[in-house]
């Protein structure tokens, strides 16, 4: 029986932050997109709906290498054009929404195995 199921997502605050960082670092797009400018649907979920925030700092180098090795990702991920250290700073938290839970582990969580041990 499956005890927990998560959907990966991003909090809106993080998406806005990433948009600003990309502009600050000289991303190709100089103007904010519709959601960043408040003109269209926002990207991600409201922060308060995120149930799980996992610190992945210690795996930053491996995350970088895995994405860089994937043929379709290298040119598509702006943050792969930064150093591993900067990538790790920017991508150090993974966020999810827990959509199934039979463990009773209270959100917010910082461990996907909470309630299973």
PDB file of N, CA and C in Angstrom:
ATOM      1  N   UNK A   1       0.834  -1.183   0.000  1.00  0.00           N
ATOM      2  CA  UNK A   1       0.000   0.000   0.000  1.00  0.00           C
ATOM      3  C   UNK A   1       0.880   1.249   0.000  1.00  0.00           C
ATOM      4  N   UNK A   2       0.519   2.234  -0.769  1.00  0.00           N
ATOM      5  CA  UNK A   2       1.247   3.495  -0.825  1.00  0.00           C
ATOM      6  C   UNK A   2       0.846   4.359   0.360  1.00  0.00           C
ATOM      7  N   UNK A   3       1.852   4.791   1.113  1.00  0.00           N
ATOM      8  CA  UNK A   3       1.587   5.596   2.309  1.00  0.00           C
ATOM      9  C   UNK A   3       1.562   7.094   2.031  1.00  0.00           C
ATOM     10  N   UNK A   4       2.356   7.526   1.049  1.00  0.00           N
ATOM     11  CA  UNK A   4       2.448   8.958   0.755  1.00  0.00           C
ATOM     12  C   UNK A   4       2.654   9.166  -0.743  1.00  0.00           C
ATOM     13  N   UNK A   5       2.076  10.235  -1.261  1.00  0.00           N
ATOM     14  CA  UNK A   5       2.273  10.624  -2.658  1.00  0.00           C
ATOM     15  C   UNK A   5       2.486  12.133  -2.679  1.00  0.00           C
ATOM     16  N   UNK A   6       3.450  12.560  -3.475  1.00  0.00           N
ATOM     17  CA  UNK A   6       3.776  13.983  -3.601  1.00  0.00           C
ATOM     18  C   UNK A   6       3.715  14.405  -5.062  1.00  0.00           C
ATOM     19  N   UNK A   7       3.296  15.626  -5.276  1.00  0.00           N
ATOM     20  CA  UNK A   7       3.413  16.265  -6.579  1.00  0.00           C
ATOM     21  C   UNK A   7       4.440  17.366  -6.426  1.00  0.00           C
ATOM     22  N   UNK A   8       5.415  17.369  -7.314  1.00  0.00           N
ATOM     23  CA  UNK A   8       6.421  18.420  -7.263  1.00  0.00           C
ATOM     24  C   UNK A   8       5.811  19.722  -7.756  1.00  0.00           C
ATOM     25  N   UNK A   9       6.208  20.799  -7.156  1.00  0.00           N
ATOM     26  CA  UNK A   9       5.703  22.114  -7.532  1.00  0.00           C
ATOM     27  C   UNK A   9       6.699  23.159  -7.059  1.00  0.00           C
ATOM     28  N   UNK A  10       6.399  24.395  -7.313  1.00  0.00           N
ATOM     29  CA  UNK A  10       7.244  25.500  -6.841  1.00  0.00           C
ATOM     30  C   UNK A  10       6.354  26.554  -6.202  1.00  0.00           C
ATOM     31  N   UNK A  11       6.813  27.136  -5.108  1.00  0.00           N
ATOM     32  CA  UNK A  11       6.050  28.224  -4.501  1.00  0.00           C
ATOM     33  C   UNK A  11       6.152  29.486  -5.359  1.00  0.00           C
ATOM     34  N   UNK A  12       5.086  30.244  -5.391  1.00  0.00           N
ATOM     35  CA  UNK A  12       5.079  31.465  -6.197  1.00  0.00           C
ATOM     36  C   UNK A  12       6.192  32.426  -5.798  1.00  0.00           C
ATOM     37  N   UNK A  13       6.490  32.497  -4.507  1.00  0.00           N
ATOM     38  CA  UNK A  13       7.563  33.412  -4.078  1.00  0.00           C
ATOM     39  C   UNK A  13       8.891  33.019  -4.711  1.00  0.00           C
ATOM     40  N   UNK A  14       9.140  31.725  -4.845  1.00  0.00           N
ATOM     41  CA  UNK A  14      10.383  31.258  -5.448  1.00  0.00           C
ATOM     42  C   UNK A  14      10.399  31.559  -6.943  1.00  0.00           C
ATOM     43  N   UNK A  15       9.270  31.393  -7.610  1.00  0.00           N
ATOM     44  CA  UNK A  15       9.212  31.669  -9.043  1.00  0.00           C
ATOM     45  C   UNK A  15       9.467  33.143  -9.325  1.00  0.00           C
ATOM     46  N   UNK A  16       8.906  34.014  -8.501  1.00  0.00           N
ATOM     47  CA  UNK A  16       9.156  35.453  -8.672  1.00  0.00           C
ATOM     48  C   UNK A  16      10.625  35.763  -8.426  1.00  0.00           C
ATOM     49  N   UNK A  17      11.197  35.143  -7.405  1.00  0.00           N
ATOM     50  CA  UNK A  17      12.617  35.346  -7.089  1.00  0.00           C
ATOM     51  C   UNK A  17      13.494  34.881  -8.253  1.00  0.00           C
ATOM     52  N   UNK A  18      13.198  33.697  -8.817  1.00  0.00           N
ATOM     53  CA  UNK A  18      13.968  33.188  -9.939  1.00  0.00           C
ATOM     54  C   UNK A  18      13.880  34.121 -11.139  1.00  0.00           C
ATOM     55  N   UNK A  19      12.690  34.640 -11.407  1.00  0.00           N
ATOM     56  CA  UNK A  19      12.534  35.583 -12.519  1.00  0.00           C
ATOM     57  C   UNK A  19      13.408  36.811 -12.338  1.00  0.00           C
ATOM     58  N   UNK A  20      13.440  37.347 -11.129  1.00  0.00           N
ATOM     59  CA  UNK A  20      14.277  38.519 -10.855  1.00  0.00           C
ATOM     60  C   UNK A  20      15.762  38.170 -10.953  1.00  0.00           C
ATOM     61  N   UNK A  21      16.159  37.022 -10.436  1.00  0.00           N
ATOM     62  CA  UNK A  21      17.563  36.600 -10.514  1.00  0.00           C
ATOM     63  C   UNK A  21      17.981  36.434 -11.957  1.00  0.00           C
ATOM     64  N   UNK A  22      17.128  35.832 -12.769  1.00  0.00           N
ATOM     65  CA  UNK A  22      17.455  35.655 -14.185  1.00  0.00           C
ATOM     66  C   UNK A  22      17.666  36.998 -14.873  1.00  0.00           C
ATOM     67  N   UNK A  23      16.794  37.954 -14.588  1.00  0.00           N
ATOM     68  CA  UNK A  23      16.972  39.286 -15.184  1.00  0.00           C
ATOM     69  C   UNK A  23      18.264  39.932 -14.680  1.00  0.00           C
ATOM     70  N   UNK A  24      18.529  39.789 -13.385  1.00  0.00           N
ATOM     71  CA  UNK A  24      19.743  40.365 -12.808  1.00  0.00           C
ATOM     72  C   UNK A  24      21.003  39.752 -13.406  1.00  0.00           C
ATOM     73  N   UNK A  25      20.931  38.482 -13.775  1.00  0.00           N
ATOM     74  CA  UNK A  25      22.087  37.783 -14.337  1.00  0.00           C
ATOM     75  C   UNK A  25      22.154  37.890 -15.864  1.00  0.00           C
ATOM     76  N   UNK A  26      21.227  38.635 -16.453  1.00  0.00           N
ATOM     77  CA  UNK A  26      21.282  38.879 -17.885  1.00  0.00           C
ATOM     78  C   UNK A  26      20.635  37.817 -18.737  1.00  0.00           C
ATOM     79  N   UNK A  27      19.576  37.225 -18.253  1.00  0.00           N
ATOM     80  CA  UNK A  27      18.850  36.244 -19.071  1.00  0.00           C
ATOM     81  C   UNK A  27      18.376  36.917 -20.350  1.00  0.00           C
ATOM     82  N   UNK A  28      18.125  36.134 -21.367  1.00  0.00           N
ATOM     83  CA  UNK A  28      17.708  36.656 -22.669  1.00  0.00           C
ATOM     84  C   UNK A  28      16.472  37.532 -22.580  1.00  0.00           C
ATOM     85  N   UNK A  29      15.556  37.173 -21.701  1.00  0.00           N
ATOM     86  CA  UNK A  29      14.295  37.889 -21.582  1.00  0.00           C
ATOM     87  C   UNK A  29      14.500  39.095 -20.673  1.00  0.00           C
ATOM     88  N   UNK A  30      14.346  40.277 -21.204  1.00  0.00           N
ATOM     89  CA  UNK A  30      14.601  41.475 -20.413  1.00  0.00           C
ATOM     90  C   UNK A  30      13.367  41.981 -19.691  1.00  0.00           C
ATOM     91  N   UNK A  31      12.199  41.689 -20.211  1.00  0.00           N
ATOM     92  CA  UNK A  31      10.957  42.143 -19.589  1.00  0.00           C
ATOM     93  C   UNK A  31      10.346  41.015 -18.785  1.00  0.00           C
ATOM     94  N   UNK A  32       9.693  41.335 -17.690  1.00  0.00           N
ATOM     95  CA  UNK A  32       9.012  40.280 -16.928  1.00  0.00           C
ATOM     96  C   UNK A  32       7.931  39.633 -17.772  1.00  0.00           C
ATOM     97  N   UNK A  33       7.710  38.333 -17.546  1.00  0.00           N
ATOM     98  CA  UNK A  33       6.630  37.634 -18.212  1.00  0.00           C
ATOM     99  C   UNK A  33       5.299  38.088 -17.640  1.00  0.00           C
ATOM    100  N   UNK A  34       4.196  37.673 -18.262  1.00  0.00           N
ATOM    101  CA  UNK A  34       2.871  38.112 -17.813  1.00  0.00           C
ATOM    102  C   UNK A  34       2.600  37.827 -16.339  1.00  0.00           C
ATOM    103  N   UNK A  35       2.985  36.641 -15.861  1.00  0.00           N
ATOM    104  CA  UNK A  35       2.689  36.339 -14.453  1.00  0.00           C
ATOM    105  C   UNK A  35       3.557  37.167 -13.521  1.00  0.00           C
ATOM    106  N   UNK A  36       4.788  37.464 -13.919  1.00  0.00           N
ATOM    107  CA  UNK A  36       5.679  38.278 -13.080  1.00  0.00           C
ATOM    108  C   UNK A  36       5.210  39.728 -13.029  1.00  0.00           C
ATOM    109  N   UNK A  37       4.579  40.169 -14.097  1.00  0.00           N
ATOM    110  CA  UNK A  37       4.108  41.547 -14.162  1.00  0.00           C
ATOM    111  C   UNK A  37       2.686  41.680 -13.618  1.00  0.00           C
ATOM    112  N   UNK A  38       2.102  40.577 -13.166  1.00  0.00           N
ATOM    113  CA  UNK A  38       0.753  40.618 -12.603  1.00  0.00           C
ATOM    114  C   UNK A  38      -0.337  40.674 -13.656  1.00  0.00           C
ATOM    115  N   UNK A  39      -0.011  40.262 -14.895  1.00  0.00           N
ATOM    116  CA  UNK A  39      -0.966  40.379 -15.992  1.00  0.00           C
ATOM    117  C   UNK A  39      -1.619  39.056 -16.376  1.00  0.00           C
ATOM    118  N   UNK A  40      -1.157  37.969 -15.832  1.00  0.00           N
ATOM    119  CA  UNK A  40      -1.702  36.673 -16.217  1.00  0.00           C
ATOM    120  C   UNK A  40      -1.654  35.722 -15.049  1.00  0.00           C
ATOM    121  N   UNK A  41      -1.923  34.450 -15.306  1.00  0.00           N
ATOM    122  CA  UNK A  41      -1.892  33.482 -14.200  1.00  0.00           C
ATOM    123  C   UNK A  41      -0.482  33.362 -13.638  1.00  0.00           C
ATOM    124  N   UNK A  42      -0.402  33.236 -12.329  1.00  0.00           N
ATOM    125  CA  UNK A  42       0.891  33.106 -11.688  1.00  0.00           C
ATOM    126  C   UNK A  42       1.411  31.682 -11.839  1.00  0.00           C
ATOM    127  N   UNK A  43       2.730  31.553 -11.850  1.00  0.00           N
ATOM    128  CA  UNK A  43       3.373  30.251 -11.938  1.00  0.00           C
ATOM    129  C   UNK A  43       3.584  29.711 -10.538  1.00  0.00           C
ATOM    130  N   UNK A  44       3.317  28.428 -10.355  1.00  0.00           N
ATOM    131  CA  UNK A  44       3.508  27.799  -9.055  1.00  0.00           C
ATOM    132  C   UNK A  44       2.266  27.919  -8.187  1.00  0.00           C
ATOM    133  N   UNK A  45       2.420  27.499  -6.941  1.00  0.00           N
ATOM    134  CA  UNK A  45       1.323  27.535  -5.978  1.00  0.00           C
ATOM    135  C   UNK A  45       1.592  28.583  -4.907  1.00  0.00           C
ATOM    136  N   UNK A  46       0.539  29.081  -4.271  1.00  0.00           N
ATOM    137  CA  UNK A  46       0.763  29.965  -3.131  1.00  0.00           C
ATOM    138  C   UNK A  46       1.628  29.241  -2.093  1.00  0.00           C
ATOM    139  N   UNK A  47       2.537  29.966  -1.489  1.00  0.00           N
ATOM    140  CA  UNK A  47       3.475  29.358  -0.542  1.00  0.00           C
ATOM    141  C   UNK A  47       2.770  28.548   0.543  1.00  0.00           C
ATOM    142  N   UNK A  48       1.644  29.022   1.020  1.00  0.00           N
ATOM    143  CA  UNK A  48       0.963  28.343   2.119  1.00  0.00           C
ATOM    144  C   UNK A  48       0.374  26.993   1.706  1.00  0.00           C
ATOM    145  N   UNK A  49       0.304  26.709   0.408  1.00  0.00           N
ATOM    146  CA  UNK A  49      -0.196  25.415  -0.052  1.00  0.00           C
ATOM    147  C   UNK A  49       0.912  24.368  -0.193  1.00  0.00           C
ATOM    148  N   UNK A  50       2.153  24.795  -0.119  1.00  0.00           N
ATOM    149  CA  UNK A  50       3.279  23.865  -0.206  1.00  0.00           C
ATOM    150  C   UNK A  50       3.363  23.106   1.117  1.00  0.00           C
ATOM    151  N   UNK A  51       3.327  21.792   1.054  1.00  0.00           N
ATOM    152  CA  UNK A  51       3.352  20.996   2.285  1.00  0.00           C
ATOM    153  C   UNK A  51       4.748  20.516   2.653  1.00  0.00           C
ATOM    154  N   UNK A  52       5.656  20.519   1.681  1.00  0.00           N
ATOM    155  CA  UNK A  52       6.942  19.881   1.903  1.00  0.00           C
ATOM    156  C   UNK A  52       8.070  20.731   1.332  1.00  0.00           C
ATOM    157  N   UNK A  53       9.030  21.055   2.183  1.00  0.00           N
ATOM    158  CA  UNK A  53      10.198  21.871   1.836  1.00  0.00           C
ATOM    159  C   UNK A  53      11.442  21.084   2.261  1.00  0.00           C
ATOM    160  N   UNK A  54      12.186  20.529   1.293  1.00  0.00           N
ATOM    161  CA  UNK A  54      13.330  19.681   1.614  1.00  0.00           C
ATOM    162  C   UNK A  54      14.616  20.398   1.210  1.00  0.00           C
ATOM    163  N   UNK A  55      15.514  20.563   2.174  1.00  0.00           N
ATOM    164  CA  UNK A  55      16.825  21.173   1.921  1.00  0.00           C
ATOM    165  C   UNK A  55      17.702  20.149   1.206  1.00  0.00           C
ATOM    166  N   UNK A  56      18.102  20.458  -0.017  1.00  0.00           N
ATOM    167  CA  UNK A  56      18.927  19.550  -0.813  1.00  0.00           C
ATOM    168  C   UNK A  56      20.318  20.118  -1.066  1.00  0.00           C
ATOM    169  N   UNK A  57      20.736  21.059  -0.245  1.00  0.00           N
ATOM    170  CA  UNK A  57      22.025  21.726  -0.438  1.00  0.00           C
ATOM    171  C   UNK A  57      23.166  20.726  -0.609  1.00  0.00           C
ATOM    172  N   UNK A  58      23.195  19.705   0.229  1.00  0.00           N
ATOM    173  CA  UNK A  58      24.319  18.764   0.180  1.00  0.00           C
ATOM    174  C   UNK A  58      24.383  17.979  -1.125  1.00  0.00           C
ATOM    175  N   UNK A  59      23.323  18.006  -1.915  1.00  0.00           N
ATOM    176  CA  UNK A  59      23.295  17.276  -3.174  1.00  0.00           C
ATOM    177  C   UNK A  59      23.380  18.202  -4.394  1.00  0.00           C
ATOM    178  N   UNK A  60      23.717  19.457  -4.180  1.00  0.00           N
ATOM    179  CA  UNK A  60      23.748  20.429  -5.267  1.00  0.00           C
ATOM    180  C   UNK A  60      24.645  20.032  -6.421  1.00  0.00           C
ATOM    181  N   UNK A  61      25.825  19.534  -6.117  1.00  0.00           N
ATOM    182  CA  UNK A  61      26.761  19.137  -7.172  1.00  0.00           C
ATOM    183  C   UNK A  61      26.200  17.981  -7.996  1.00  0.00           C
ATOM    184  N   UNK A  62      25.595  17.007  -7.323  1.00  0.00           N
ATOM    185  CA  UNK A  62      25.011  15.872  -8.043  1.00  0.00           C
ATOM    186  C   UNK A  62      23.807  16.308  -8.873  1.00  0.00           C
ATOM    187  N   UNK A  63      22.985  17.210  -8.352  1.00  0.00           N
ATOM    188  CA  UNK A  63      21.844  17.717  -9.118  1.00  0.00           C
ATOM    189  C   UNK A  63      22.328  18.430 -10.377  1.00  0.00           C
ATOM    190  N   UNK A  64      23.349  19.256 -10.223  1.00  0.00           N
ATOM    191  CA  UNK A  64      23.927  19.979 -11.348  1.00  0.00           C
ATOM    192  C   UNK A  64      24.409  18.988 -12.403  1.00  0.00           C
ATOM    193  N   UNK A  65      25.227  18.012 -11.975  1.00  0.00           N
ATOM    194  CA  UNK A  65      25.794  17.038 -12.916  1.00  0.00           C
ATOM    195  C   UNK A  65      24.701  16.227 -13.610  1.00  0.00           C
ATOM    196  N   UNK A  66      23.673  15.829 -12.869  1.00  0.00           N
ATOM    197  CA  UNK A  66      22.594  15.030 -13.463  1.00  0.00           C
ATOM    198  C   UNK A  66      21.838  15.828 -14.522  1.00  0.00           C
ATOM    199  N   UNK A  67      21.508  17.064 -14.216  1.00  0.00           N
ATOM    200  CA  UNK A  67      20.805  17.895 -15.203  1.00  0.00           C
ATOM    201  C   UNK A  67      21.696  18.205 -16.397  1.00  0.00           C
ATOM    202  N   UNK A  68      22.967  18.491 -16.143  1.00  0.00           N
ATOM    203  CA  UNK A  68      23.893  18.817 -17.227  1.00  0.00           C
ATOM    204  C   UNK A  68      24.114  17.623 -18.157  1.00  0.00           C
ATOM    205  N   UNK A  69      24.050  16.398 -17.621  1.00  0.00           N
ATOM    206  CA  UNK A  69      24.261  15.197 -18.422  1.00  0.00           C
ATOM    207  C   UNK A  69      23.048  14.845 -19.273  1.00  0.00           C
ATOM    208  N   UNK A  70      21.900  15.398 -18.946  1.00  0.00           N
ATOM    209  CA  UNK A  70      20.665  15.094 -19.675  1.00  0.00           C
ATOM    210  C   UNK A  70      20.666  15.920 -20.955  1.00  0.00           C
ATOM    211  N   UNK A  71      20.664  15.261 -22.092  1.00  0.00           N
ATOM    212  CA  UNK A  71      20.828  15.932 -23.382  1.00  0.00           C
ATOM    213  C   UNK A  71      19.853  17.073 -23.620  1.00  0.00           C
ATOM    214  N   UNK A  72      18.635  16.964 -23.142  1.00  0.00           N
ATOM    215  CA  UNK A  72      17.645  17.999 -23.432  1.00  0.00           C
ATOM    216  C   UNK A  72      17.675  19.159 -22.437  1.00  0.00           C
ATOM    217  N   UNK A  73      18.490  19.088 -21.399  1.00  0.00           N
ATOM    218  CA  UNK A  73      18.430  20.099 -20.347  1.00  0.00           C
ATOM    219  C   UNK A  73      19.510  21.174 -20.432  1.00  0.00           C
ATOM    220  N   UNK A  74      20.680  20.841 -20.885  1.00  0.00           N
ATOM    221  CA  UNK A  74      21.814  21.752 -20.842  1.00  0.00           C
ATOM    222  C   UNK A  74      21.541  23.151 -21.352  1.00  0.00           C
ATOM    223  N   UNK A  75      20.911  23.255 -22.507  1.00  0.00           N
ATOM    224  CA  UNK A  75      20.655  24.572 -23.079  1.00  0.00           C
ATOM    225  C   UNK A  75      19.364  25.186 -22.569  1.00  0.00           C
ATOM    226  N   UNK A  76      18.502  24.394 -21.951  1.00  0.00           N
ATOM    227  CA  UNK A  76      17.198  24.882 -21.533  1.00  0.00           C
ATOM    228  C   UNK A  76      17.164  25.413 -20.109  1.00  0.00           C
ATOM    229  N   UNK A  77      18.143  25.071 -19.305  1.00  0.00           N
ATOM    230  CA  UNK A  77      18.122  25.478 -17.908  1.00  0.00           C
ATOM    231  C   UNK A  77      19.151  26.574 -17.690  1.00  0.00           C
ATOM    232  N   UNK A  78      18.648  27.774 -17.540  1.00  0.00           N
ATOM    233  CA  UNK A  78      19.490  28.956 -17.377  1.00  0.00           C
ATOM    234  C   UNK A  78      20.497  28.783 -16.243  1.00  0.00           C
ATOM    235  N   UNK A  79      20.051  28.174 -15.143  1.00  0.00           N
ATOM    236  CA  UNK A  79      20.913  28.074 -13.975  1.00  0.00           C
ATOM    237  C   UNK A  79      22.067  27.094 -14.164  1.00  0.00           C
ATOM    238  N   UNK A  80      22.039  26.254 -15.196  1.00  0.00           N
ATOM    239  CA  UNK A  80      23.173  25.379 -15.483  1.00  0.00           C
ATOM    240  C   UNK A  80      24.330  26.168 -16.092  1.00  0.00           C
ATOM    241  N   UNK A  81      24.078  27.378 -16.502  1.00  0.00           N
ATOM    242  CA  UNK A  81      25.146  28.222 -17.054  1.00  0.00           C
ATOM    243  C   UNK A  81      25.893  28.962 -15.944  1.00  0.00           C
ATOM    244  N   UNK A  82      25.528  28.733 -14.712  1.00  0.00           N
ATOM    245  CA  UNK A  82      26.200  29.305 -13.538  1.00  0.00           C
ATOM    246  C   UNK A  82      27.175  28.266 -12.998  1.00  0.00           C
ATOM    247  N   UNK A  83      27.975  28.651 -12.033  1.00  0.00           N
ATOM    248  CA  UNK A  83      28.868  27.696 -11.383  1.00  0.00           C
ATOM    249  C   UNK A  83      28.056  26.701 -10.557  1.00  0.00           C
ATOM    250  N   UNK A  84      28.681  25.591 -10.212  1.00  0.00           N
ATOM    251  CA  UNK A  84      27.994  24.616  -9.355  1.00  0.00           C
ATOM    252  C   UNK A  84      27.626  25.240  -8.017  1.00  0.00           C
ATOM    253  N   UNK A  85      28.487  26.099  -7.526  1.00  0.00           N
ATOM    254  CA  UNK A  85      28.213  26.735  -6.240  1.00  0.00           C
ATOM    255  C   UNK A  85      26.975  27.635  -6.324  1.00  0.00           C
ATOM    256  N   UNK A  86      26.895  28.436  -7.377  1.00  0.00           N
ATOM    257  CA  UNK A  86      25.732  29.331  -7.538  1.00  0.00           C
ATOM    258  C   UNK A  86      24.470  28.519  -7.791  1.00  0.00           C
ATOM    259  N   UNK A  87      24.582  27.485  -8.622  1.00  0.00           N
ATOM    260  CA  UNK A  87      23.452  26.594  -8.877  1.00  0.00           C
ATOM    261  C   UNK A  87      22.939  26.027  -7.556  1.00  0.00           C
ATOM    262  N   UNK A  88      23.852  25.556  -6.715  1.00  0.00           N
ATOM    263  CA  UNK A  88      23.466  24.969  -5.428  1.00  0.00           C
ATOM    264  C   UNK A  88      22.767  26.000  -4.552  1.00  0.00           C
ATOM    265  N   UNK A  89      23.250  27.221  -4.538  1.00  0.00           N
ATOM    266  CA  UNK A  89      22.595  28.277  -3.761  1.00  0.00           C
ATOM    267  C   UNK A  89      21.165  28.489  -4.243  1.00  0.00           C
ATOM    268  N   UNK A  90      20.988  28.516  -5.545  1.00  0.00           N
ATOM    269  CA  UNK A  90      19.685  28.822  -6.131  1.00  0.00           C
ATOM    270  C   UNK A  90      18.713  27.644  -6.101  1.00  0.00           C
ATOM    271  N   UNK A  91      19.232  26.447  -6.137  1.00  0.00           N
ATOM    272  CA  UNK A  91      18.384  25.254  -6.270  1.00  0.00           C
ATOM    273  C   UNK A  91      18.493  24.354  -5.038  1.00  0.00           C
ATOM    274  N   UNK A  92      18.625  24.935  -3.882  1.00  0.00           N
ATOM    275  CA  UNK A  92      18.907  24.159  -2.673  1.00  0.00           C
ATOM    276  C   UNK A  92      17.665  23.669  -1.927  1.00  0.00           C
ATOM    277  N   UNK A  93      16.489  23.979  -2.436  1.00  0.00           N
ATOM    278  CA  UNK A  93      15.257  23.525  -1.788  1.00  0.00           C
ATOM    279  C   UNK A  93      14.340  22.901  -2.838  1.00  0.00           C
ATOM    280  N   UNK A  94      13.861  21.696  -2.536  1.00  0.00           N
ATOM    281  CA  UNK A  94      12.867  21.030  -3.369  1.00  0.00           C
ATOM    282  C   UNK A  94      11.528  21.155  -2.667  1.00  0.00           C
ATOM    283  N   UNK A  95      10.500  21.508  -3.401  1.00  0.00           N
ATOM    284  CA  UNK A  95       9.184  21.700  -2.798  1.00  0.00           C
ATOM    285  C   UNK A  95       8.150  20.806  -3.460  1.00  0.00           C
ATOM    286  N   UNK A  96       7.198  20.360  -2.652  1.00  0.00           N
ATOM    287  CA  UNK A  96       6.152  19.453  -3.124  1.00  0.00           C
ATOM    288  C   UNK A  96       4.851  19.720  -2.380  1.00  0.00           C
ATOM    289  N   UNK A  97       3.800  19.166  -2.942  1.00  0.00           N
ATOM    290  CA  UNK A  97       2.504  19.132  -2.272  1.00  0.00           C
ATOM    291  C   UNK A  97       2.198  17.663  -2.005  1.00  0.00           C
ATOM    292  N   UNK A  98       1.938  17.350  -0.768  1.00  0.00           N
ATOM    293  CA  UNK A  98       1.581  15.974  -0.401  1.00  0.00           C
ATOM    294  C   UNK A  98       0.096  15.803  -0.709  1.00  0.00           C
ATOM    295  N   UNK A  99      -0.207  14.867  -1.618  1.00  0.00           N
ATOM    296  CA  UNK A  99      -1.598  14.673  -2.045  1.00  0.00           C
ATOM    297  C   UNK A  99      -2.217  13.408  -1.479  1.00  0.00           C
ATOM    298  N   UNK A 100      -1.400  12.555  -0.878  1.00  0.00           N
ATOM    299  CA  UNK A 100      -1.905  11.371  -0.198  1.00  0.00           C
ATOM    300  C   UNK A 100      -1.032  11.143   1.015  1.00  0.00           C
ATOM    301  N   UNK A 101      -1.661  10.884   2.158  1.00  0.00           N
ATOM    302  CA  UNK A 101      -0.906  10.593   3.368  1.00  0.00           C
ATOM    303  C   UNK A 101      -1.727   9.698   4.275  1.00  0.00           C
ATOM    304  N   UNK A 102      -1.175   8.544   4.603  1.00  0.00           N
ATOM    305  CA  UNK A 102      -1.818   7.662   5.569  1.00  0.00           C
ATOM    306  C   UNK A 102      -1.032   7.605   6.867  1.00  0.00           C
ATOM    307  N   UNK A 103       0.032   8.422   6.971  1.00  0.00           N
ATOM    308  CA  UNK A 103       0.916   8.360   8.138  1.00  0.00           C
ATOM    309  C   UNK A 103       0.509   9.316   9.251  1.00  0.00           C
ATOM    310  N   UNK A 104      -0.204  10.365   8.910  1.00  0.00           N
ATOM    311  CA  UNK A 104      -0.561  11.372   9.903  1.00  0.00           C
ATOM    312  C   UNK A 104       0.552  12.356  10.196  1.00  0.00           C
ATOM    313  N   UNK A 105       1.630  12.331   9.423  1.00  0.00           N
ATOM    314  CA  UNK A 105       2.733  13.280   9.625  1.00  0.00           C
ATOM    315  C   UNK A 105       2.216  14.693   9.354  1.00  0.00           C
ATOM    316  N   UNK A 106       2.395  15.615  10.294  1.00  0.00           N
ATOM    317  CA  UNK A 106       1.848  16.960  10.104  1.00  0.00           C
ATOM    318  C   UNK A 106       2.677  17.791   9.133  1.00  0.00           C
ATOM    319  N   UNK A 107       2.026  18.530   8.259  1.00  0.00           N
ATOM    320  CA  UNK A 107       2.755  19.475   7.409  1.00  0.00           C
ATOM    321  C   UNK A 107       3.010  20.762   8.189  1.00  0.00           C
ATOM    322  N   UNK A 108       3.953  21.557   7.826  1.00  0.00           N
ATOM    323  CA  UNK A 108       4.866  21.309   6.715  1.00  0.00           C
ATOM    324  C   UNK A 108       5.926  20.283   7.099  1.00  0.00           C
ATOM    325  N   UNK A 109       6.409  19.582   6.094  1.00  0.00           N
ATOM    326  CA  UNK A 109       7.445  18.574   6.276  1.00  0.00           C
ATOM    327  C   UNK A 109       8.760  19.079   5.696  1.00  0.00           C
ATOM    328  N   UNK A 110       9.857  18.531   6.214  1.00  0.00           N
ATOM    329  CA  UNK A 110      11.158  18.774   5.598  1.00  0.00           C
ATOM    330  C   UNK A 110      11.852  17.443   5.311  1.00  0.00           C
ATOM    331  N   UNK A 111      11.077  16.352   5.371  1.00  0.00           N
ATOM    332  CA  UNK A 111      11.598  15.008   5.186  1.00  0.00           C
ATOM    333  C   UNK A 111      10.498  14.168   4.526  1.00  0.00           C
ATOM    334  N   UNK A 112      10.784  13.636   3.353  1.00  0.00           N
ATOM    335  CA  UNK A 112       9.790  12.838   2.648  1.00  0.00           C
ATOM    336  C   UNK A 112       9.434  11.550   3.392  1.00  0.00           C
ATOM    337  N   UNK A 113      10.290  11.143   4.311  1.00  0.00           N
ATOM    338  CA  UNK A 113      10.053   9.918   5.053  1.00  0.00           C
ATOM    339  C   UNK A 113       9.402  10.158   6.405  1.00  0.00           C
ATOM    340  N   UNK A 114       8.997  11.392   6.682  1.00  0.00           N
ATOM    341  CA  UNK A 114       8.336  11.705   7.948  1.00  0.00           C
ATOM    342  C   UNK A 114       7.106  10.822   8.115  1.00  0.00           C
ATOM    343  N   UNK A 115       6.964  10.220   9.286  1.00  0.00           N
ATOM    344  CA  UNK A 115       5.819   9.361   9.567  1.00  0.00           C
ATOM    345  C   UNK A 115       5.986   7.928   9.097  1.00  0.00           C
ATOM    346  N   UNK A 116       7.047   7.637   8.367  1.00  0.00           N
ATOM    347  CA  UNK A 116       7.252   6.278   7.852  1.00  0.00           C
ATOM    348  C   UNK A 116       8.253   5.488   8.685  1.00  0.00           C
ATOM    349  N   UNK A 117       8.942   6.143   9.555  1.00  0.00           N
ATOM    350  CA  UNK A 117      10.002   5.485  10.349  1.00  0.00           C
ATOM    351  C   UNK A 117       9.470   5.029  11.663  1.00  0.00           C
TER     352      UNK A 117
END
